[in-house]
C-alpha atoms as a PDB file:
ATOM      1  CA  MET A   1       0.093   0.187  -0.344  1.00  0.00           C
ATOM      2  CA  LYS A   2       2.789   2.356   0.927  1.00  0.00           C
ATOM      3  CA  TYR A   3       4.214   1.608  -2.902  1.00  0.00           C
ATOM      4  CA  LEU A   4       1.067   2.744  -4.233  1.00  0.00           C
ATOM      5  CA  TYR A   5       0.959   6.025  -2.831  1.00  0.00           C
ATOM      6  CA  ILE A   6       4.818   6.845  -3.724  1.00  0.00           C
ATOM      7  CA  ILE A   7       3.544   5.426  -7.346  1.00  0.00           C
ATOM      8  CA  VAL A   8       0.558   7.870  -7.622  1.00  0.00           C
ATOM      9  CA  ILE A   9       2.719  10.616  -6.329  1.00  0.00           C
ATOM     10  CA  ALA A  10       5.564  10.287  -8.790  1.00  0.00           C
ATOM     11  CA  LEU A  11       3.052   9.904 -11.096  1.00  0.00           C
ATOM     12  CA  ALA A  12       1.433  13.301 -10.117  1.00  0.00           C
ATOM     13  CA  PHE A  13       5.190  14.803 -10.170  1.00  0.00           C
ATOM     14  CA  ALA A  14       5.843  13.561 -13.840  1.00  0.00           C
ATOM     15  CA  SER A  15       2.480  14.904 -15.471  1.00  0.00           C
ATOM     16  CA  CYS A  16       3.521  18.231 -14.251  1.00  0.00           C
ATOM     17  CA  LYS A  17       6.400  18.838 -16.009  1.00  0.00           C
ATOM     18  CA  SER A  18       6.103  21.122 -19.001  1.00  0.00           C
ATOM     19  CA  ASN A  19       6.055  19.763 -22.532  1.00  0.00           C
ATOM     20  CA  ASN A  20       8.474  22.355 -24.103  1.00  0.00           C
ATOM     21  CA  ASN A  21       8.165  20.006 -27.280  1.00  0.00           C
ATOM     22  CA  ALA A  22       4.651  20.628 -27.906  1.00  0.00           C
ATOM     23  CA  PRO A  23       3.536  22.599 -31.396  1.00  0.00           C
ATOM     24  CA  GLN A  24       2.554  26.094 -30.827  1.00  0.00           C
ATOM     25  CA  LYS A  25      -0.376  27.689 -32.336  1.00  0.00           C
ATOM     26  CA  SER A  26       0.390  30.667 -34.238  1.00  0.00           C
ATOM     27  CA  SER A  27      -1.360  33.832 -33.926  1.00  0.00           C
ATOM     28  CA  LYS A  28      -2.269  34.460 -37.498  1.00  0.00           C
ATOM     29  CA  ASN A  29      -4.229  31.098 -37.232  1.00  0.00           C
ATOM     30  CA  ASN A  30      -6.207  32.658 -34.570  1.00  0.00           C
ATOM     31  CA  ALA A  31      -6.688  35.564 -35.921  1.00  0.00           C
ATOM     32  CA  ASP A  32      -8.077  33.931 -39.429  1.00  0.00           C
ATOM     33  CA  SER A  33     -10.573  32.033 -37.582  1.00  0.00           C
ATOM     34  CA  LEU A  34     -11.225  35.430 -35.615  1.00  0.00           C
ATOM     35  CA  ALA A  35     -11.856  37.016 -38.827  1.00  0.00           C
ATOM     36  CA  GLN A  36     -14.471  34.626 -39.975  1.00  0.00           C
ATOM     37  CA  VAL A  37     -16.765  35.295 -37.371  1.00  0.00           C
ATOM     38  CA  ILE A  38     -16.373  38.748 -36.415  1.00  0.00           C
ATOM     39  CA  THR A  39     -17.993  41.549 -38.735  1.00  0.00           C
ATOM     40  CA  THR A  40     -17.475  44.950 -38.723  1.00  0.00           C
ATOM     41  CA  THR A  41     -19.266  48.264 -40.024  1.00  0.00           C
ATOM     42  CA  THR A  42     -18.314  52.019 -40.657  1.00  0.00           C
ATOM     43  CA  VAL A  43     -18.905  54.581 -37.575  1.00  0.00           C
ATOM     44  CA  LYS A  44     -21.568  57.067 -38.625  1.00  0.00           C
ATOM     45  CA  GLU A  45     -22.186  60.061 -36.729  1.00  0.00           C
ATOM     46  CA  ARG A  46     -26.103  60.839 -36.395  1.00  0.00           C
ATOM     47  CA  PRO A  47     -27.856  62.971 -33.975  1.00  0.00           C
ATOM     48  CA  MET A  48     -29.457  60.999 -30.991  1.00  0.00           C
ATOM     49  CA  ASN A  49     -32.949  59.927 -31.590  1.00  0.00           C
ATOM     50  CA  ASP A  50     -35.645  58.969 -28.870  1.00  0.00           C
ATOM     51  CA  GLU A  51     -35.584  55.761 -30.171  1.00  0.00           C
ATOM     52  CA  LEU A  52     -33.600  52.494 -29.034  1.00  0.00           C
ATOM     53  CA  LEU A  53     -32.674  50.322 -32.066  1.00  0.00           C
ATOM     54  CA  LEU A  54     -31.975  46.738 -30.941  1.00  0.00           C
ATOM     55  CA  ASN A  55     -30.694  43.866 -33.243  1.00  0.00           C
ATOM     56  CA  GLY A  56     -32.130  40.441 -32.933  1.00  0.00           C
ATOM     57  CA  ASN A  57     -35.100  39.015 -32.706  1.00  0.00           C
ATOM     58  CA  ILE A  58     -37.461  38.888 -29.123  1.00  0.00           C
ATOM     59  CA  SER A  59     -39.925  36.426 -28.669  1.00  0.00           C
ATOM     60  CA  CYS A  60     -42.103  34.931 -25.538  1.00  0.00           C
ATOM     61  CA  ASP A  61     -41.637  31.441 -24.574  1.00  0.00           C
ATOM     62  CA  GLU A  62     -45.289  30.788 -23.265  1.00  0.00           C
ATOM     63  CA  SER A  63     -43.928  27.691 -21.499  1.00  0.00           C
ATOM     64  CA  LEU A  64     -43.001  29.937 -18.552  1.00  0.00           C
ATOM     65  CA  MET A  65     -45.686  32.292 -18.766  1.00  0.00           C
ATOM     66  CA  ARG A  66     -48.278  31.883 -15.933  1.00  0.00           C
ATOM     67  CA  GLU A  67     -51.721  33.689 -15.104  1.00  0.00           C
ATOM     68  CA  ARG A  68     -51.501  37.074 -13.349  1.00  0.00           C
ATOM     69  CA  SER A  69     -53.962  38.980 -11.408  1.00  0.00           C
ATOM     70  CA  ALA A  70     -54.997  42.446 -12.601  1.00  0.00           C
ATOM     71  CA  SER A  71     -52.742  43.853  -8.955  1.00  0.00           C
ATOM     72  CA  GLU A  72     -49.896  42.176 -10.148  1.00  0.00           C
ATOM     73  CA  TYR A  73     -50.126  43.473 -13.836  1.00  0.00           C
ATOM     74  CA  ARG A  74     -50.581  46.831 -12.395  1.00  0.00           C
ATOM     75  CA  SER A  75     -47.364  46.563  -9.867  1.00  0.00           C
ATOM     76  CA  SER A  76     -45.697  45.470 -13.181  1.00  0.00           C
ATOM     77  CA  LEU A  77     -46.229  48.313 -15.039  1.00  0.00           C
ATOM     78  CA  GLU A  78     -45.605  50.683 -12.776  1.00  0.00           C
ATOM     79  CA  ARG A  79     -42.092  49.022 -12.436  1.00  0.00           C
ATOM     80  CA  ILE A  80     -41.849  49.660 -16.123  1.00  0.00           C
ATOM     81  CA  ASP A  81     -42.765  53.102 -16.011  1.00  0.00           C
ATOM     82  CA  LYS A  82     -40.232  54.100 -13.397  1.00  0.00           C
ATOM     83  CA  GLU A  83     -37.475  52.309 -15.184  1.00  0.00           C
ATOM     84  CA  VAL A  84     -38.532  54.336 -18.805  1.00  0.00           C
ATOM     85  CA  GLU A  85     -38.454  57.100 -16.716  1.00  0.00           C
ATOM     86  CA  ARG A  86     -35.298  56.764 -15.029  1.00  0.00           C
ATOM     87  CA  VAL A  87     -33.680  55.807 -18.117  1.00  0.00           C
ATOM     88  CA  ILE A  88     -35.087  58.767 -20.157  1.00  0.00           C
ATOM     89  CA  ARG A  89     -33.523  60.970 -17.470  1.00  0.00           C
ATOM     90  CA  ILE A  90     -30.144  59.573 -17.906  1.00  0.00           C
ATOM     91  CA  MET A  91     -30.220  60.330 -21.706  1.00  0.00           C
ATOM     92  CA  LYS A  92     -31.193  63.541 -21.249  1.00  0.00           C
END
């Protein structure tokens, strides 16, 4: 049993050695793969509008929906109104 512990510890130390013979990935390969994924566009200066442009699709998962009472709707709308007012104040 004592030898088993020694063998396990020796294997652990042997596995921690750095492998200098491993091939290094060039940064050019990484840059090429990123260039295939990333898209860019030019910067355009425009006057600030009161609209917020969101890119993407927004959908509702009805399996997560539950029925709400009228008071829950009112409290939700009040929270939304407060948040909208806060965002408008920040944008001014």
